[in-house]
Amino acid sequence: MALIYADAKAYISYSQHNKPGTIPLAYGAAIGCGCPHDCGLCPEHEQHACLGIIEINSACDMECPLCFAEAGPGFSLTLEEVEQILDDYVRTEGHPEVVQFSGGEPTLHPQIIDFIRAAQARDIRFVMVNTNGKRIARDDRFLEQLNLVRPALYFQFDGFDSETYRIIRGEPDLLAEKLRALDRLAEIGLNVTIVPAIERGVNEHEIGRIVEFAIGHPAIRGITFQPAFRTGRHLPGDPMRRITIPDIVRQIEAQTNGKFVASDFVPVPCCFPTCNSVTYAFVEGDRVTPLPRILNVNDYLDYITNRIVPDFSHEIRMALEGLWSSSTVAGSDKSLQQIAISCQACELPDKLAITNIARNMIMIMLQDFMDPWTFNQKNVMKCCKEFLLPGRKQIPFCAYNTVGYREQARAQLVAMEPERRRARREGRVYRPKPVVFEFRNRRPK
């Protein structure tokens, strides 16, 4: 048994937000054994990829006790592999919204800047780097390179207490380095989403302070709270006491003195609605105004009948629909344009124009990932966050980390590493090899 969602009433009521998915332009696998063992994506999948994740390496400069990727020495993708993956992402999406380079620690890869440029050259609208921030804090030359290509940063930030970092990251003295990295990113004007992993009994008391810090820091445009889940390397815990999205929302309300309350958070309807919740807020000095208090978001997200909302134009509805999407990244041009349309509809102050709206907005998202205790096939079939792999494979996040995909992919990518190294030494093009998955003792539906 495991706790899935700490608010049964909300879990049931959020079913109205289960918007029919938008299928990809092309698939990468056929139906054989049945979900979740045909991922590629296969035609049973009910949603396209809002976010594509490419793990470009497995190496890391940390050994976190909490690491779903089980980062460590193993493989390092080539530019040819990454370009092939990106080309396939364009094939299936047309104009992909977001790609995120992850690892391991992706900033350690010697070609990370080339990868960012490759994604930008394919007109992928938003390019992100998932990082612990260490190299950003220490390496002036790397900071200069980031300033030239200007990705968004998805930045590991679990709190302020040394005990938090000792337990979750294995290093109690990380805070000063993280603050230095954030300040350096602010100096060059890059947008950051901080990502706190929240573990019950460890750092839930820091949730409000994280929110207040994000509101006040010039680099931070968003927060993505992630309840700790148990795949890869993980802390021991009771599945019935795991922390869930409603638990974090309650702590936000209690620890921010009402700046945010539970009703400010709305399910993200492009995936299964209990997987994500999000809110946006206008910030003017000490005043914080969550967008759902300005307008009734539910009135403009009528995904069941798919009708045009009375008294609001189609463009405004589409803007609001886009804001509550997993493909919207805090601080992106897309989010700013959508917010600007919404602001016109709501008659917000003129000073919150498109030119300065980014400085007055904060996004708070809560993202719950499944593990072997909480796995639900229905959720996986609606997943919009996919790992992108060589060989035209796109695997939903929670399937990749729970049912054997990661282990198979890791073994094959590591086995390819000697040939990658030979190609680098000899100065020749590496010919990417596909990752192939096999699940035995499975029967078709």
Protein backbone atom coordinates (compact mmCIF):
# COMPACT_ATOMS: atom_id res chain seq x y z
CA MET A 1 0.00 0.00 0.00
CA ALA A 2 1.07 3.56 -0.68
CA LEU A 3 -0.30 7.06 -0.26
CA ILE A 4 -1.12 8.48 -3.69
CA TYR A 5 -2.69 11.85 -2.91
CA ALA A 6 -3.28 13.35 0.51
CA ASP A 7 -6.63 14.94 -0.42
CA ALA A 8 -9.24 12.42 -1.60
CA LYS A 9 -11.86 15.09 -2.38
CA ALA A 10 -9.45 17.01 -4.60
CA TYR A 11 -8.27 13.81 -6.28
CA ILE A 12 -11.84 13.02 -7.35
CA SER A 13 -12.83 16.56 -8.29
CA TYR A 14 -9.74 17.08 -10.44
CA SER A 15 -11.01 14.46 -12.89
CA GLN A 16 -12.84 17.30 -14.66
CA HIS A 17 -9.43 18.63 -15.71
CA ASN A 18 -8.52 15.43 -17.55
CA LYS A 19 -8.30 17.11 -20.95
CA PRO A 20 -8.18 14.80 -24.00
CA GLY A 21 -4.60 14.58 -25.14
CA THR A 22 -3.00 15.77 -28.35
CA ILE A 23 -1.26 12.89 -30.08
CA PRO A 24 2.24 13.27 -31.56
CA LEU A 25 2.78 13.64 -35.29
CA ALA A 26 4.52 10.24 -35.41
CA TYR A 27 5.18 7.28 -33.16
CA GLY A 28 8.35 5.32 -32.43
CA ALA A 29 6.96 1.90 -31.50
CA ALA A 30 4.13 -0.50 -32.29
CA ILE A 31 1.65 -2.06 -29.87
CA GLY A 32 2.85 -5.49 -28.83
CA CYS A 33 3.01 -6.42 -25.16
CA GLY A 34 0.74 -3.60 -24.06
CA CYS A 35 1.31 -0.55 -21.86
CA PRO A 36 3.76 0.12 -20.24
CA HIS A 37 6.09 -2.22 -22.20
CA ASP A 38 5.75 -0.79 -25.72
CA CYS A 39 7.04 2.74 -25.09
CA GLY A 40 8.50 4.55 -27.97
CA LEU A 41 5.90 6.33 -27.96
CA CYS A 42 3.37 3.73 -29.08
CA PRO A 43 -0.14 4.44 -30.47
CA GLU A 44 -1.72 3.65 -27.09
CA HIS A 45 -0.09 6.75 -25.62
CA GLU A 46 -2.63 9.56 -25.17
CA GLN A 47 -0.43 12.66 -25.15
CA HIS A 48 2.43 14.15 -27.09
CA ALA A 49 5.66 15.31 -25.45
CA CYS A 50 5.37 18.73 -23.82
CA LEU A 51 8.89 18.27 -22.44
CA GLY A 52 11.68 16.15 -23.90
CA ILE A 53 14.56 15.17 -21.61
CA ILE A 54 17.96 14.11 -22.95
CA GLU A 55 20.37 12.61 -20.44
CA ILE A 56 23.61 13.54 -22.18
CA ASN A 57 25.89 11.87 -19.63
CA SER A 58 25.76 9.76 -16.50
CA ALA A 59 28.71 11.33 -14.66
CA CYS A 60 28.17 13.78 -11.81
CA ASP A 61 30.27 15.81 -9.41
CA MET A 62 27.97 14.83 -6.54
CA GLU A 63 26.84 11.53 -5.00
CA CYS A 64 23.38 12.45 -3.78
CA PRO A 65 21.62 9.89 -1.56
CA LEU A 66 18.47 10.96 -3.44
CA CYS A 67 19.06 10.50 -7.20
CA PHE A 68 16.52 8.83 -9.47
CA ALA A 69 19.16 8.72 -12.26
CA GLU A 70 21.71 6.92 -10.07
CA ALA A 71 24.34 9.26 -11.49
CA GLY A 72 27.86 7.90 -11.80
CA PRO A 73 30.54 7.10 -14.41
CA GLY A 74 29.22 5.33 -17.49
CA PHE A 75 28.43 7.11 -20.74
CA SER A 76 28.73 10.47 -22.49
CA LEU A 77 26.68 11.06 -25.65
CA THR A 78 28.26 12.45 -28.80
CA LEU A 79 27.05 15.43 -30.80
CA GLU A 80 25.90 13.03 -33.53
CA GLU A 81 23.70 11.16 -31.05
CA VAL A 82 22.20 14.33 -29.63
CA GLU A 83 21.52 15.76 -33.09
CA GLN A 84 19.79 12.52 -34.10
CA ILE A 85 17.66 12.64 -30.96
CA LEU A 86 16.75 16.28 -31.60
CA ASP A 87 15.85 15.55 -35.21
CA ASP A 88 13.52 12.79 -34.10
CA TYR A 89 11.96 15.10 -31.53
CA VAL A 90 11.20 17.53 -34.36
CA ARG A 91 9.80 14.63 -36.42
CA THR A 92 7.30 13.71 -33.73
CA GLU A 93 6.43 17.21 -32.52
CA GLY A 94 6.87 19.50 -35.52
CA HIS A 95 7.84 22.49 -33.40
CA PRO A 96 8.83 21.12 -29.98
CA GLU A 97 8.14 23.37 -27.03
CA VAL A 98 10.84 22.41 -24.52
CA VAL A 99 13.95 20.25 -24.42
CA GLN A 100 15.92 19.76 -21.23
CA PHE A 101 19.52 18.59 -21.12
CA SER A 102 20.04 16.47 -18.03
CA GLY A 103 22.39 13.84 -16.65
CA GLY A 104 24.29 13.06 -14.48
CA GLU A 105 25.43 16.63 -14.28
CA PRO A 106 25.11 17.93 -17.86
CA THR A 107 27.36 20.94 -17.34
CA LEU A 108 30.28 18.51 -17.01
CA HIS A 109 29.84 17.39 -20.61
CA PRO A 110 32.52 19.10 -22.77
CA GLN A 111 29.98 19.68 -25.58
CA ILE A 112 27.05 21.02 -23.57
CA ILE A 113 27.24 24.40 -25.33
CA ASP A 114 27.22 22.63 -28.72
CA PHE A 115 24.14 20.69 -27.66
CA ILE A 116 22.33 23.89 -26.67
CA ARG A 117 23.17 25.44 -30.03
CA ALA A 118 21.99 22.30 -31.84
CA ALA A 119 18.61 22.51 -30.11
CA GLN A 120 18.28 26.21 -30.84
CA ALA A 121 19.17 25.62 -34.49
CA ARG A 122 16.16 23.28 -34.75
CA ASP A 123 13.80 26.00 -33.56
CA ILE A 124 13.01 24.28 -30.29
CA ARG A 125 11.31 27.08 -28.47
CA PHE A 126 12.82 26.65 -25.05
CA VAL A 127 16.13 24.99 -24.16
CA MET A 128 16.83 24.12 -20.51
CA VAL A 129 19.84 22.81 -18.60
CA ASN A 130 19.21 20.77 -15.44
CA THR A 131 22.05 21.53 -13.02
CA ASN A 132 23.27 21.46 -9.44
CA GLY A 133 24.99 24.81 -10.11
CA LYS A 134 28.51 23.90 -9.03
CA ARG A 135 30.23 24.68 -12.30
CA ILE A 136 28.24 27.89 -12.68
CA ALA A 137 29.46 29.03 -9.26
CA ARG A 138 33.12 28.25 -10.01
CA ASP A 139 33.83 28.58 -13.73
CA ASP A 140 33.97 32.10 -15.16
CA ARG A 141 34.59 30.90 -18.71
CA PHE A 142 31.59 28.59 -18.58
CA LEU A 143 29.41 31.44 -17.34
CA GLU A 144 30.53 33.49 -20.35
CA GLN A 145 29.58 30.63 -22.65
CA LEU A 146 26.15 30.33 -21.05
CA ASN A 147 25.66 34.04 -21.56
CA LEU A 148 26.24 33.58 -25.29
CA VAL A 149 23.69 30.77 -25.79
CA ARG A 150 21.33 31.82 -22.96
CA PRO A 151 19.45 28.65 -21.96
CA ALA A 152 17.05 28.48 -19.05
CA LEU A 153 18.32 26.78 -15.90
CA TYR A 154 16.49 24.05 -13.97
CA PHE A 155 18.37 24.47 -10.73
CA GLN A 156 18.60 22.01 -7.84
CA PHE A 157 17.76 23.91 -4.62
CA ASP A 158 16.41 21.96 -1.65
CA GLY A 159 16.40 24.59 1.09
CA PHE A 160 18.72 26.44 3.45
CA ASP A 161 19.58 24.12 6.34
CA SER A 162 22.87 22.26 6.29
CA GLU A 163 21.05 19.18 7.59
CA THR A 164 18.76 19.27 4.55
CA TYR A 165 21.74 19.12 2.22
CA ARG A 166 23.50 16.49 4.30
CA ILE A 167 20.53 14.14 4.12
CA ILE A 168 19.36 14.74 0.56
CA ARG A 169 22.65 15.59 -1.19
CA GLY A 170 25.31 14.13 1.09
CA GLU A 171 27.04 17.53 1.39
CA PRO A 172 26.01 19.78 4.30
CA ASP A 173 27.84 22.90 3.08
CA LEU A 174 26.25 23.42 -0.33
CA LEU A 175 24.16 26.51 0.31
CA ALA A 176 26.83 29.20 -0.15
CA GLU A 177 27.85 27.76 -3.51
CA LYS A 178 24.25 27.58 -4.69
CA LEU A 179 23.61 31.18 -3.68
CA ARG A 180 26.75 32.26 -5.53
CA ALA A 181 25.62 30.44 -8.67
CA LEU A 182 22.17 32.05 -8.53
CA ASP A 183 23.67 35.52 -8.05
CA ARG A 184 26.00 34.98 -11.01
CA LEU A 185 23.06 33.91 -13.18
CA ALA A 186 21.18 37.04 -12.09
CA GLU A 187 24.14 39.19 -13.18
CA ILE A 188 23.85 37.93 -16.76
CA GLY A 189 20.04 37.89 -16.74
CA LEU A 190 19.36 34.18 -17.23
CA ASN A 191 16.03 32.75 -16.10
CA VAL A 192 16.07 30.09 -13.39
CA THR A 193 13.50 27.63 -12.10
CA ILE A 194 14.62 26.30 -8.73
CA VAL A 195 13.77 22.67 -8.02
CA PRO A 196 13.42 21.61 -4.38
CA ALA A 197 13.08 17.89 -3.69
CA ILE A 198 10.84 17.70 -0.62
CA GLU A 199 11.17 14.78 1.80
CA ARG A 200 8.91 14.32 4.79
CA GLY A 201 10.75 14.91 8.04
CA VAL A 202 13.67 16.59 6.29
CA ASN A 203 12.84 19.91 4.64
CA GLU A 204 9.09 20.47 4.50
CA HIS A 205 9.57 23.14 7.17
CA GLU A 206 11.58 25.15 4.62
CA ILE A 207 8.89 25.32 1.92
CA GLY A 208 7.66 28.81 2.82
CA ARG A 209 11.17 30.19 3.05
CA ILE A 210 11.95 28.77 -0.40
CA VAL A 211 8.89 30.54 -1.82
CA GLU A 212 9.80 33.85 -0.20
CA PHE A 213 13.39 33.54 -1.41
CA ALA A 214 12.26 32.85 -4.98
CA ILE A 215 9.93 35.84 -4.99
CA GLY A 216 12.78 38.14 -3.99
CA HIS A 217 15.63 36.79 -6.12
CA PRO A 218 16.13 38.51 -9.49
CA ALA A 219 17.16 35.36 -11.38
CA ILE A 220 14.30 33.13 -10.25
CA ARG A 221 11.17 32.99 -12.39
CA GLY A 222 9.71 29.78 -11.04
CA ILE A 223 9.77 26.98 -8.49
CA THR A 224 9.06 23.33 -9.19
CA PHE A 225 8.50 21.44 -5.96
CA GLN A 226 9.09 17.70 -6.37
CA PRO A 227 7.87 15.33 -3.64
CA ALA A 228 10.60 12.75 -3.10
CA PHE A 229 9.91 9.48 -4.93
CA ARG A 230 11.70 6.18 -4.60
CA THR A 231 13.42 5.09 -7.76
CA GLY A 232 17.15 4.87 -8.41
CA ARG A 233 19.03 5.95 -5.28
CA HIS A 234 16.53 7.01 -2.67
CA LEU A 235 16.15 7.52 1.04
CA PRO A 236 14.40 4.82 3.07
CA GLY A 237 10.79 5.59 3.84
CA ASP A 238 7.27 4.33 4.44
CA PRO A 239 5.16 4.53 1.23
CA MET A 240 2.15 5.37 3.39
CA ARG A 241 3.90 8.45 4.75
CA ARG A 242 5.26 9.87 1.52
CA ILE A 243 4.76 13.56 0.98
CA THR A 244 2.34 14.47 -1.83
CA ILE A 245 1.25 17.58 -3.71
CA PRO A 246 -1.60 18.49 -1.28
CA ASP A 247 0.84 18.24 1.65
CA ILE A 248 3.18 20.75 0.01
CA VAL A 249 0.32 23.07 -0.92
CA ARG A 250 -0.82 23.10 2.72
CA GLN A 251 2.71 23.96 3.84
CA ILE A 252 2.91 26.78 1.27
CA GLU A 253 -0.32 28.22 2.66
CA ALA A 254 0.75 27.86 6.29
CA GLN A 255 4.31 29.12 5.82
CA THR A 256 3.63 32.12 3.55
CA ASN A 257 0.97 33.67 5.79
CA GLY A 258 -1.69 33.43 3.13
CA LYS A 259 0.27 34.86 0.21
CA PHE A 260 -0.69 31.60 -1.46
CA VAL A 261 -3.61 29.35 -0.49
CA ALA A 262 -4.74 25.96 -1.72
CA SER A 263 -7.33 27.40 -4.11
CA ASP A 264 -4.57 29.28 -5.95
CA PHE A 265 -3.25 26.02 -7.38
CA VAL A 266 -4.80 24.46 -10.47
CA PRO A 267 -4.16 20.98 -11.94
CA VAL A 268 -2.11 20.87 -15.12
CA PRO A 269 -4.56 19.24 -17.54
CA CYS A 270 -2.25 18.15 -20.36
CA CYS A 271 -0.99 15.24 -18.22
CA PHE A 272 -3.01 13.28 -15.65
CA PRO A 273 -4.37 16.12 -13.48
CA THR A 274 -3.08 14.87 -10.13
CA CYS A 275 0.49 14.69 -11.42
CA ASN A 276 0.96 18.48 -11.52
CA SER A 277 -0.47 21.61 -9.96
CA VAL A 278 0.56 25.14 -10.81
CA THR A 279 -0.10 28.79 -10.11
CA TYR A 280 1.21 32.09 -11.41
CA ALA A 281 1.32 35.27 -9.36
CA PHE A 282 1.99 38.96 -9.94
CA VAL A 283 4.58 40.37 -7.55
CA GLU A 284 4.64 44.08 -6.73
CA GLY A 285 6.99 44.73 -3.83
CA ASP A 286 5.56 42.89 -0.83
CA ARG A 287 2.22 42.36 -2.57
CA VAL A 288 1.65 38.97 -4.21
CA THR A 289 -1.49 38.38 -6.30
CA PRO A 290 -2.02 34.84 -7.59
CA LEU A 291 -3.68 34.86 -11.00
CA PRO A 292 -6.58 32.57 -9.95
CA ARG A 293 -7.74 35.31 -7.56
CA ILE A 294 -8.11 37.74 -10.46
CA LEU A 295 -10.20 35.45 -12.62
CA ASN A 296 -11.95 32.13 -12.27
CA VAL A 297 -9.49 29.89 -14.05
CA ASN A 298 -11.93 26.98 -14.18
CA ASP A 299 -14.28 29.10 -16.30
CA TYR A 300 -11.58 29.39 -18.94
CA LEU A 301 -10.34 25.82 -18.86
CA ASP A 302 -13.48 23.99 -19.86
CA TYR A 303 -11.70 20.97 -21.26
CA ILE A 304 -14.74 18.68 -21.09
CA THR A 305 -17.00 20.46 -23.57
CA ASN A 306 -14.12 22.25 -25.29
CA ARG A 307 -16.34 25.26 -25.86
CA ILE A 308 -15.38 28.88 -26.33
CA VAL A 309 -15.87 30.74 -23.06
CA PRO A 310 -18.58 33.41 -23.17
CA ASP A 311 -17.34 37.02 -23.18
CA PHE A 312 -13.72 36.03 -23.78
CA SER A 313 -12.04 35.71 -27.13
CA HIS A 314 -10.59 32.46 -28.41
CA GLU A 315 -7.12 33.98 -28.12
CA ILE A 316 -7.53 34.71 -24.41
CA ARG A 317 -8.81 31.19 -23.72
CA MET A 318 -5.89 29.70 -25.61
CA ALA A 319 -3.51 31.91 -23.62
CA LEU A 320 -4.91 30.68 -20.34
CA GLU A 321 -4.93 27.10 -21.56
CA GLY A 322 -1.28 27.45 -22.49
CA LEU A 323 -0.36 28.85 -19.09
CA TRP A 324 -1.65 25.70 -17.43
CA SER A 325 0.51 23.42 -19.54
CA SER A 326 3.63 21.43 -18.76
CA SER A 327 5.30 22.96 -21.80
CA THR A 328 5.14 26.47 -20.35
CA VAL A 329 8.43 27.50 -18.78
CA ALA A 330 8.69 30.33 -16.28
CA GLY A 331 10.10 33.45 -17.90
CA SER A 332 9.74 32.19 -21.49
CA ASP A 333 8.44 34.36 -24.32
CA LYS A 334 5.46 32.01 -24.59
CA SER A 335 4.46 32.49 -20.95
CA LEU A 336 4.92 36.27 -21.18
CA GLN A 337 2.78 36.59 -24.30
CA GLN A 338 0.04 34.45 -22.77
CA ILE A 339 0.12 36.39 -19.51
CA ALA A 340 -0.04 39.67 -21.43
CA ILE A 341 -3.25 38.58 -23.18
CA SER A 342 -4.68 37.44 -19.86
CA CYS A 343 -3.75 40.75 -18.27
CA GLN A 344 -5.62 42.67 -20.97
CA ALA A 345 -8.67 40.53 -20.31
CA CYS A 346 -8.46 41.13 -16.56
CA GLU A 347 -7.63 44.84 -16.84
CA LEU A 348 -4.49 44.60 -14.75
CA PRO A 349 -2.30 47.71 -14.34
CA ASP A 350 -0.73 49.06 -17.52
CA LYS A 351 2.73 48.92 -15.92
CA LEU A 352 2.52 45.13 -16.17
CA ALA A 353 3.17 45.34 -19.91
CA ILE A 354 4.92 42.69 -21.97
CA THR A 355 8.25 44.51 -21.59
CA ASN A 356 8.40 44.21 -17.82
CA ILE A 357 5.95 41.45 -16.96
CA ALA A 358 8.72 38.89 -16.40
CA ARG A 359 10.07 40.92 -13.52
CA ASN A 360 6.63 40.84 -11.89
CA MET A 361 5.74 37.17 -12.25
CA ILE A 362 6.49 34.00 -10.32
CA MET A 363 5.38 30.49 -11.26
CA ILE A 364 5.01 27.76 -8.64
CA MET A 365 4.57 24.23 -9.93
CA LEU A 366 4.28 20.98 -8.02
CA GLN A 367 5.33 17.85 -9.90
CA ASP A 368 4.74 14.39 -8.44
CA PHE A 369 6.49 11.46 -10.12
CA MET A 370 5.49 7.83 -9.63
CA ASP A 371 7.63 5.05 -8.23
CA PRO A 372 7.04 1.27 -7.90
CA TRP A 373 4.70 1.87 -4.95
CA THR A 374 2.52 4.46 -6.70
CA PHE A 375 2.71 3.35 -10.33
CA ASN A 376 -0.52 3.79 -12.32
CA GLN A 377 -0.79 2.77 -15.97
CA LYS A 378 -3.49 5.37 -16.66
CA ASN A 379 -1.17 8.16 -15.53
CA VAL A 380 1.68 6.84 -17.69
CA MET A 381 -0.51 6.77 -20.80
CA LYS A 382 -1.18 10.50 -20.35
CA CYS A 383 2.43 11.47 -19.49
CA CYS A 384 3.80 14.45 -21.40
CA LYS A 385 7.40 14.34 -20.08
CA GLU A 386 9.50 11.92 -22.08
CA PHE A 387 13.09 10.74 -22.01
CA LEU A 388 14.49 11.00 -25.55
CA LEU A 389 16.92 8.25 -26.59
CA PRO A 390 18.91 7.16 -29.65
CA GLY A 391 16.85 5.04 -32.02
CA ARG A 392 13.65 7.10 -32.09
CA LYS A 393 12.62 6.13 -28.59
CA GLN A 394 10.63 8.41 -26.30
CA ILE A 395 9.85 6.90 -22.90
CA PRO A 396 7.42 8.48 -20.38
CA PHE A 397 9.27 9.69 -17.31
CA CYS A 398 7.69 7.39 -14.75
CA ALA A 399 7.81 4.32 -16.99
CA TYR A 400 11.48 4.95 -17.69
CA ASN A 401 12.31 5.02 -14.00
CA THR A 402 10.11 2.21 -12.71
CA VAL A 403 9.56 -0.73 -15.07
CA GLY A 404 13.05 -1.45 -16.42
CA TYR A 405 13.68 1.00 -19.24
CA ARG A 406 16.42 2.92 -17.45
CA GLU A 407 18.37 -0.20 -16.60
CA GLN A 408 18.27 -1.46 -20.19
CA ALA A 409 19.14 1.93 -21.67
CA ARG A 410 22.00 2.49 -19.23
CA ALA A 411 23.57 -0.91 -20.01
CA GLN A 412 23.44 -0.27 -23.76
CA LEU A 413 24.69 3.32 -23.59
CA VAL A 414 27.61 2.24 -21.40
CA ALA A 415 28.44 -0.61 -23.80
CA MET A 416 28.63 1.94 -26.64
CA GLU A 417 31.13 4.13 -24.80
CA PRO A 418 34.38 2.47 -26.05
CA GLU A 419 33.33 3.11 -29.65
CA ARG A 420 32.45 6.72 -28.83
CA ARG A 421 35.89 7.21 -27.34
CA ARG A 422 37.60 5.67 -30.36
CA ALA A 423 35.67 7.96 -32.69
CA ARG A 424 36.70 11.00 -30.63
CA ARG A 425 40.36 9.96 -30.60
CA GLU A 426 40.40 9.32 -34.33
CA GLY A 427 38.51 12.51 -35.16
CA ARG A 428 35.76 10.71 -37.06
CA VAL A 429 31.99 10.87 -36.99
CA TYR A 430 30.37 8.49 -34.53
CA ARG A 431 27.48 6.56 -36.03
CA PRO A 432 24.70 6.48 -33.42
CA LYS A 433 23.31 3.08 -32.46
CA PRO A 434 19.69 2.66 -31.38
CA VAL A 435 18.67 1.71 -27.87
CA VAL A 436 16.45 -1.36 -28.03
CA PHE A 437 14.15 -2.58 -25.26
CA GLU A 438 12.99 -6.11 -24.54
CA PHE A 439 10.54 -7.26 -21.88
CA ARG A 440 10.28 -11.02 -21.50
CA ASN A 441 7.42 -13.11 -20.17
CA ARG A 442 4.94 -10.45 -21.25
CA ARG A 443 1.79 -11.26 -23.18
CA PRO A 444 -0.13 -9.06 -25.61
CA LYS A 445 -3.41 -7.72 -24.37
